[in-house]
Amino acid sequence: MRRRLFWWEAGGFAAVAVLGTLLHFTYDWSGKNPVVGAFSAVNESTWEHMKLLFFPMFVFALVQSRFFGERPDFWCVKLAGSAAGLALIPVLFYTYNGAIGKSPGAVNIAIFFAAAAASFLLECALFKKGNVKCRLPYLAFALLCLIGVLFAVFAFAPPRLPLFEGPITGTYGIPL
């Protein structure tokens, strides 16, 4: 079971790394289709980079739930992993930028991969530990769905905060 779990989590990291990287470009590739923009990056903001992590992780969790969903802690572990990765992206980005100044694209890519790796390592550790108390797994799933809804909504109506501002264009979300 532990070996199988490791390979699932390693496969999850690989899937998120590939899909998240592709989602960085799909909005432009689609001719700036707003439906595609709800799920992929529409500018270079930190928020949009968080979206690149979330949606592939959520889709992978839906697939993985078909094989591990009987675990009572499944959705709580997935929520913890997703939350850790989503928190790590702005923490690393703003820490690096605060200490060094402006970060080159390679650093932003490294931050994305580090956050994805940390997410799956945390999940793997929590699954192996096996004693995560998850009293309301449906609430954890509902919170993940709510996060997804917020990412989609904020693609169209983001708050005017630096987290949502594209540093290259100075824009916020999809222009309506």
C-alpha atoms as a PDB file:
ATOM      1  CA  MET A   1       0.000   0.000   0.000  1.00  0.00           C
ATOM      2  CA  ARG A   2       2.774   2.469   0.911  1.00  0.00           C
ATOM      3  CA  ARG A   3       4.624   1.868  -2.363  1.00  0.00           C
ATOM      4  CA  ARG A   4       1.399   2.265  -4.326  1.00  0.00           C
ATOM      5  CA  LEU A   5       0.647   5.484  -2.451  1.00  0.00           C
ATOM      6  CA  PHE A   6       4.114   6.861  -3.200  1.00  0.00           C
ATOM      7  CA  TRP A   7       3.680   6.213  -6.925  1.00  0.00           C
ATOM      8  CA  TRP A   8       0.245   7.813  -6.923  1.00  0.00           C
ATOM      9  CA  GLU A   9       1.616  10.918  -5.243  1.00  0.00           C
ATOM     10  CA  ALA A  10       4.668  11.018  -7.545  1.00  0.00           C
ATOM     11  CA  GLY A  11       2.344  10.662 -10.517  1.00  0.00           C
ATOM     12  CA  GLY A  12       0.214  13.459  -9.087  1.00  0.00           C
ATOM     13  CA  PHE A  13       3.226  15.742  -8.890  1.00  0.00           C
ATOM     14  CA  ALA A  14       4.160  14.922 -12.483  1.00  0.00           C
ATOM     15  CA  ALA A  15       0.593  15.492 -13.695  1.00  0.00           C
ATOM     16  CA  VAL A  16       0.314  18.810 -11.860  1.00  0.00           C
ATOM     17  CA  ALA A  17       3.719  19.930 -13.123  1.00  0.00           C
ATOM     18  CA  VAL A  18       2.781  19.202 -16.746  1.00  0.00           C
ATOM     19  CA  LEU A  19      -0.831  20.397 -16.628  1.00  0.00           C
ATOM     20  CA  GLY A  20       0.017  23.489 -14.592  1.00  0.00           C
ATOM     21  CA  THR A  21       2.704  24.419 -17.092  1.00  0.00           C
ATOM     22  CA  LEU A  22       0.294  23.931 -19.997  1.00  0.00           C
ATOM     23  CA  LEU A  23      -2.415  25.972 -18.255  1.00  0.00           C
ATOM     24  CA  HIS A  24       0.032  28.864 -18.217  1.00  0.00           C
ATOM     25  CA  PHE A  25      -0.450  29.112 -21.989  1.00  0.00           C
ATOM     26  CA  THR A  26      -3.950  27.804 -22.718  1.00  0.00           C
ATOM     27  CA  TYR A  27      -5.712  31.164 -22.324  1.00  0.00           C
ATOM     28  CA  ASP A  28      -3.575  32.735 -25.065  1.00  0.00           C
ATOM     29  CA  TRP A  29      -3.715  29.564 -27.181  1.00  0.00           C
ATOM     30  CA  SER A  30      -7.517  29.655 -27.013  1.00  0.00           C
ATOM     31  CA  GLY A  31      -7.648  33.165 -28.452  1.00  0.00           C
ATOM     32  CA  LYS A  32      -8.347  34.545 -24.961  1.00  0.00           C
ATOM     33  CA  ASN A  33     -11.518  32.512 -24.539  1.00  0.00           C
ATOM     34  CA  PRO A  34     -13.077  33.587 -21.203  1.00  0.00           C
ATOM     35  CA  VAL A  35     -14.211  30.043 -20.376  1.00  0.00           C
ATOM     36  CA  VAL A  36     -10.629  28.823 -20.716  1.00  0.00           C
ATOM     37  CA  GLY A  37      -9.458  31.856 -18.718  1.00  0.00           C
ATOM     38  CA  ALA A  38     -11.574  30.795 -15.766  1.00  0.00           C
ATOM     39  CA  PHE A  39      -9.283  27.760 -15.349  1.00  0.00           C
ATOM     40  CA  SER A  40      -5.943  28.933 -16.722  1.00  0.00           C
ATOM     41  CA  ALA A  41      -3.618  31.888 -16.207  1.00  0.00           C
ATOM     42  CA  VAL A  42      -4.848  35.158 -17.716  1.00  0.00           C
ATOM     43  CA  ASN A  43      -1.892  37.256 -16.539  1.00  0.00           C
ATOM     44  CA  GLU A  44       1.332  36.812 -14.607  1.00  0.00           C
ATOM     45  CA  SER A  45      -0.107  37.632 -11.181  1.00  0.00           C
ATOM     46  CA  THR A  46       0.701  35.516  -8.157  1.00  0.00           C
ATOM     47  CA  TRP A  47      -3.000  34.604  -7.909  1.00  0.00           C
ATOM     48  CA  GLU A  48      -2.960  33.205 -11.433  1.00  0.00           C
ATOM     49  CA  HIS A  49       0.099  31.099 -10.608  1.00  0.00           C
ATOM     50  CA  MET A  50      -1.813  29.719  -7.631  1.00  0.00           C
ATOM     51  CA  LYS A  51      -4.636  28.810 -10.034  1.00  0.00           C
ATOM     52  CA  LEU A  52      -2.139  26.822 -12.128  1.00  0.00           C
ATOM     53  CA  LEU A  53      -1.485  24.660  -9.086  1.00  0.00           C
ATOM     54  CA  PHE A  54      -5.045  24.331  -7.848  1.00  0.00           C
ATOM     55  CA  PHE A  55      -6.973  23.095 -10.879  1.00  0.00           C
ATOM     56  CA  PRO A  56      -4.591  20.267 -11.842  1.00  0.00           C
ATOM     57  CA  MET A  57      -4.412  19.199  -8.179  1.00  0.00           C
ATOM     58  CA  PHE A  58      -8.200  19.190  -7.918  1.00  0.00           C
ATOM     59  CA  VAL A  59      -8.662  17.205 -11.126  1.00  0.00           C
ATOM     60  CA  PHE A  60      -5.996  14.732  -9.997  1.00  0.00           C
ATOM     61  CA  ALA A  61      -7.756  14.398  -6.614  1.00  0.00           C
ATOM     62  CA  LEU A  62     -11.023  13.594  -8.400  1.00  0.00           C
ATOM     63  CA  VAL A  63      -9.275  10.847 -10.383  1.00  0.00           C
ATOM     64  CA  GLN A  64      -7.400   9.561  -7.341  1.00  0.00           C
ATOM     65  CA  SER A  65     -10.602   9.483  -5.265  1.00  0.00           C
ATOM     66  CA  ARG A  66     -11.839   6.635  -7.476  1.00  0.00           C
ATOM     67  CA  PHE A  67      -8.998   4.519  -6.033  1.00  0.00           C
ATOM     68  CA  PHE A  68      -8.523   5.947  -2.514  1.00  0.00           C
ATOM     69  CA  GLY A  69     -11.886   7.582  -1.858  1.00  0.00           C
ATOM     70  CA  GLU A  70     -12.846   4.922   0.686  1.00  0.00           C
ATOM     71  CA  ARG A  71     -10.287   6.411   3.061  1.00  0.00           C
ATOM     72  CA  PRO A  72     -12.166   8.573   5.539  1.00  0.00           C
ATOM     73  CA  ASP A  73      -9.297  11.073   5.567  1.00  0.00           C
ATOM     74  CA  PHE A  74      -8.964  11.373   1.762  1.00  0.00           C
ATOM     75  CA  TRP A  75     -10.575  14.791   1.178  1.00  0.00           C
ATOM     76  CA  CYS A  76      -9.108  16.292   4.349  1.00  0.00           C
ATOM     77  CA  VAL A  77      -5.609  15.255   3.257  1.00  0.00           C
ATOM     78  CA  LYS A  78      -6.253  16.642  -0.235  1.00  0.00           C
ATOM     79  CA  LEU A  79      -7.473  19.921   1.272  1.00  0.00           C
ATOM     80  CA  ALA A  80      -4.356  20.137   3.456  1.00  0.00           C
ATOM     81  CA  GLY A  81      -2.050  19.452   0.504  1.00  0.00           C
ATOM     82  CA  SER A  82      -3.787  21.972  -1.725  1.00  0.00           C
ATOM     83  CA  ALA A  83      -3.854  24.630   0.989  1.00  0.00           C
ATOM     84  CA  ALA A  84      -0.151  24.138   1.702  1.00  0.00           C
ATOM     85  CA  GLY A  85       0.788  24.540  -1.961  1.00  0.00           C
ATOM     86  CA  LEU A  86      -1.489  27.531  -2.435  1.00  0.00           C
ATOM     87  CA  ALA A  87      -0.011  29.233   0.621  1.00  0.00           C
ATOM     88  CA  LEU A  88       3.553  28.416  -0.370  1.00  0.00           C
ATOM     89  CA  ILE A  89       3.390  30.154  -3.754  1.00  0.00           C
ATOM     90  CA  PRO A  90       2.794  33.702  -2.433  1.00  0.00           C
ATOM     91  CA  VAL A  91       5.011  33.137   0.607  1.00  0.00           C
ATOM     92  CA  LEU A  92       7.993  32.090  -1.526  1.00  0.00           C
ATOM     93  CA  PHE A  93       7.298  34.660  -4.253  1.00  0.00           C
ATOM     94  CA  TYR A  94       6.954  37.657  -1.946  1.00  0.00           C
ATOM     95  CA  THR A  95       9.802  36.513   0.302  1.00  0.00           C
ATOM     96  CA  TYR A  96      12.126  36.161  -2.677  1.00  0.00           C
ATOM     97  CA  ASN A  97      11.032  39.452  -4.215  1.00  0.00           C
ATOM     98  CA  GLY A  98      11.309  41.229  -0.872  1.00  0.00           C
ATOM     99  CA  ALA A  99      14.835  39.961  -0.319  1.00  0.00           C
ATOM    100  CA  ILE A 100      16.231  40.133  -3.860  1.00  0.00           C
ATOM    101  CA  GLY A 101      13.958  42.456  -5.791  1.00  0.00           C
ATOM    102  CA  LYS A 102      12.342  41.283  -8.993  1.00  0.00           C
ATOM    103  CA  SER A 103      12.313  37.566  -9.665  1.00  0.00           C
ATOM    104  CA  PRO A 104      13.225  36.159 -13.071  1.00  0.00           C
ATOM    105  CA  GLY A 105      10.827  33.737 -14.765  1.00  0.00           C
ATOM    106  CA  ALA A 106      12.989  30.750 -13.852  1.00  0.00           C
ATOM    107  CA  VAL A 107      12.504  31.523 -10.162  1.00  0.00           C
ATOM    108  CA  ASN A 108       8.733  31.753 -10.610  1.00  0.00           C
ATOM    109  CA  ILE A 109       8.757  28.363 -12.338  1.00  0.00           C
ATOM    110  CA  ALA A 110      10.885  26.907  -9.544  1.00  0.00           C
ATOM    111  CA  ILE A 111       8.447  28.297  -6.962  1.00  0.00           C
ATOM    112  CA  PHE A 112       5.535  26.608  -8.763  1.00  0.00           C
ATOM    113  CA  PHE A 113       7.345  23.246  -8.853  1.00  0.00           C
ATOM    114  CA  ALA A 114       8.469  23.583  -5.222  1.00  0.00           C
ATOM    115  CA  ALA A 115       4.895  24.307  -4.119  1.00  0.00           C
ATOM    116  CA  ALA A 116       3.587  21.317  -6.094  1.00  0.00           C
ATOM    117  CA  ALA A 117       6.277  19.051  -4.646  1.00  0.00           C
ATOM    118  CA  ALA A 118       5.594  20.265  -1.107  1.00  0.00           C
ATOM    119  CA  SER A 119       1.868  19.658  -1.589  1.00  0.00           C
ATOM    120  CA  PHE A 120       2.323  16.050  -2.632  1.00  0.00           C
ATOM    121  CA  LEU A 121       5.022  15.358  -0.042  1.00  0.00           C
ATOM    122  CA  LEU A 122       2.667  16.620   2.669  1.00  0.00           C
ATOM    123  CA  GLU A 123      -0.166  14.491   1.316  1.00  0.00           C
ATOM    124  CA  CYS A 124       2.067  11.436   1.175  1.00  0.00           C
ATOM    125  CA  ALA A 125       3.183  11.978   4.780  1.00  0.00           C
ATOM    126  CA  LEU A 126      -0.390  12.485   5.990  1.00  0.00           C
ATOM    127  CA  PHE A 127      -1.664   9.434   4.128  1.00  0.00           C
ATOM    128  CA  LYS A 128       1.172   7.293   5.504  1.00  0.00           C
ATOM    129  CA  LYS A 129       0.619   8.574   9.033  1.00  0.00           C
ATOM    130  CA  GLY A 130      -2.968   7.449   8.709  1.00  0.00           C
ATOM    131  CA  ASN A 131      -4.341   9.173  11.772  1.00  0.00           C
ATOM    132  CA  VAL A 132      -5.682  12.391  10.273  1.00  0.00           C
ATOM    133  CA  LYS A 133      -8.967  13.090  12.006  1.00  0.00           C
ATOM    134  CA  CYS A 134     -11.454  13.938   9.284  1.00  0.00           C
ATOM    135  CA  ARG A 135     -14.888  14.228  10.814  1.00  0.00           C
ATOM    136  CA  LEU A 136     -16.485  15.967   7.837  1.00  0.00           C
ATOM    137  CA  PRO A 137     -14.877  14.776   4.590  1.00  0.00           C
ATOM    138  CA  TYR A 138     -17.719  16.291   2.564  1.00  0.00           C
ATOM    139  CA  LEU A 139     -16.947  19.680   4.096  1.00  0.00           C
ATOM    140  CA  ALA A 140     -13.311  19.328   2.991  1.00  0.00           C
ATOM    141  CA  PHE A 141     -14.514  18.469  -0.519  1.00  0.00           C
ATOM    142  CA  ALA A 142     -16.937  21.427  -0.436  1.00  0.00           C
ATOM    143  CA  LEU A 143     -14.108  23.761   0.595  1.00  0.00           C
ATOM    144  CA  LEU A 144     -12.015  22.552  -2.339  1.00  0.00           C
ATOM    145  CA  CYS A 145     -14.960  23.217  -4.642  1.00  0.00           C
ATOM    146  CA  LEU A 146     -15.371  26.697  -3.131  1.00  0.00           C
ATOM    147  CA  ILE A 147     -11.697  27.455  -3.757  1.00  0.00           C
ATOM    148  CA  GLY A 148     -12.187  26.411  -7.386  1.00  0.00           C
ATOM    149  CA  VAL A 149     -15.226  28.676  -7.692  1.00  0.00           C
ATOM    150  CA  LEU A 150     -13.243  31.589  -6.226  1.00  0.00           C
ATOM    151  CA  PHE A 151     -10.445  31.064  -8.737  1.00  0.00           C
ATOM    152  CA  ALA A 152     -12.963  31.090 -11.595  1.00  0.00           C
ATOM    153  CA  VAL A 153     -14.905  34.110 -10.279  1.00  0.00           C
ATOM    154  CA  PHE A 154     -11.772  36.116  -9.543  1.00  0.00           C
ATOM    155  CA  ALA A 155     -10.628  35.542 -13.125  1.00  0.00           C
ATOM    156  CA  PHE A 156     -13.454  37.925 -14.062  1.00  0.00           C
ATOM    157  CA  ALA A 157     -13.826  40.100 -10.962  1.00  0.00           C
ATOM    158  CA  PRO A 158     -10.585  40.098  -8.975  1.00  0.00           C
ATOM    159  CA  PRO A 159     -10.092  42.381  -5.997  1.00  0.00           C
ATOM    160  CA  ARG A 160      -7.794  45.316  -6.729  1.00  0.00           C
ATOM    161  CA  LEU A 161      -4.964  43.946  -4.604  1.00  0.00           C
ATOM    162  CA  PRO A 162      -1.333  43.345  -5.584  1.00  0.00           C
ATOM    163  CA  LEU A 163      -1.842  39.560  -5.385  1.00  0.00           C
ATOM    164  CA  PHE A 164      -4.180  39.808  -8.401  1.00  0.00           C
ATOM    165  CA  GLU A 165      -2.302  42.387 -10.486  1.00  0.00           C
ATOM    166  CA  GLY A 166      -0.353  41.200 -13.502  1.00  0.00           C
ATOM    167  CA  PRO A 167       3.133  42.689 -13.045  1.00  0.00           C
ATOM    168  CA  ILE A 168       3.809  42.955 -16.780  1.00  0.00           C
ATOM    169  CA  THR A 169       0.543  44.531 -17.946  1.00  0.00           C
ATOM    170  CA  GLY A 170      -0.768  45.997 -14.692  1.00  0.00           C
ATOM    171  CA  THR A 171      -4.125  44.360 -15.442  1.00  0.00           C
ATOM    172  CA  TYR A 172      -6.492  42.487 -13.181  1.00  0.00           C
ATOM    173  CA  GLY A 173      -8.155  39.359 -14.518  1.00  0.00           C
ATOM    174  CA  ILE A 174      -9.997  39.028 -17.801  1.00  0.00           C
ATOM    175  CA  PRO A 175     -10.976  42.390 -19.284  1.00  0.00           C
ATOM    176  CA  LEU A 176     -14.745  42.539 -19.586  1.00  0.00           C
END
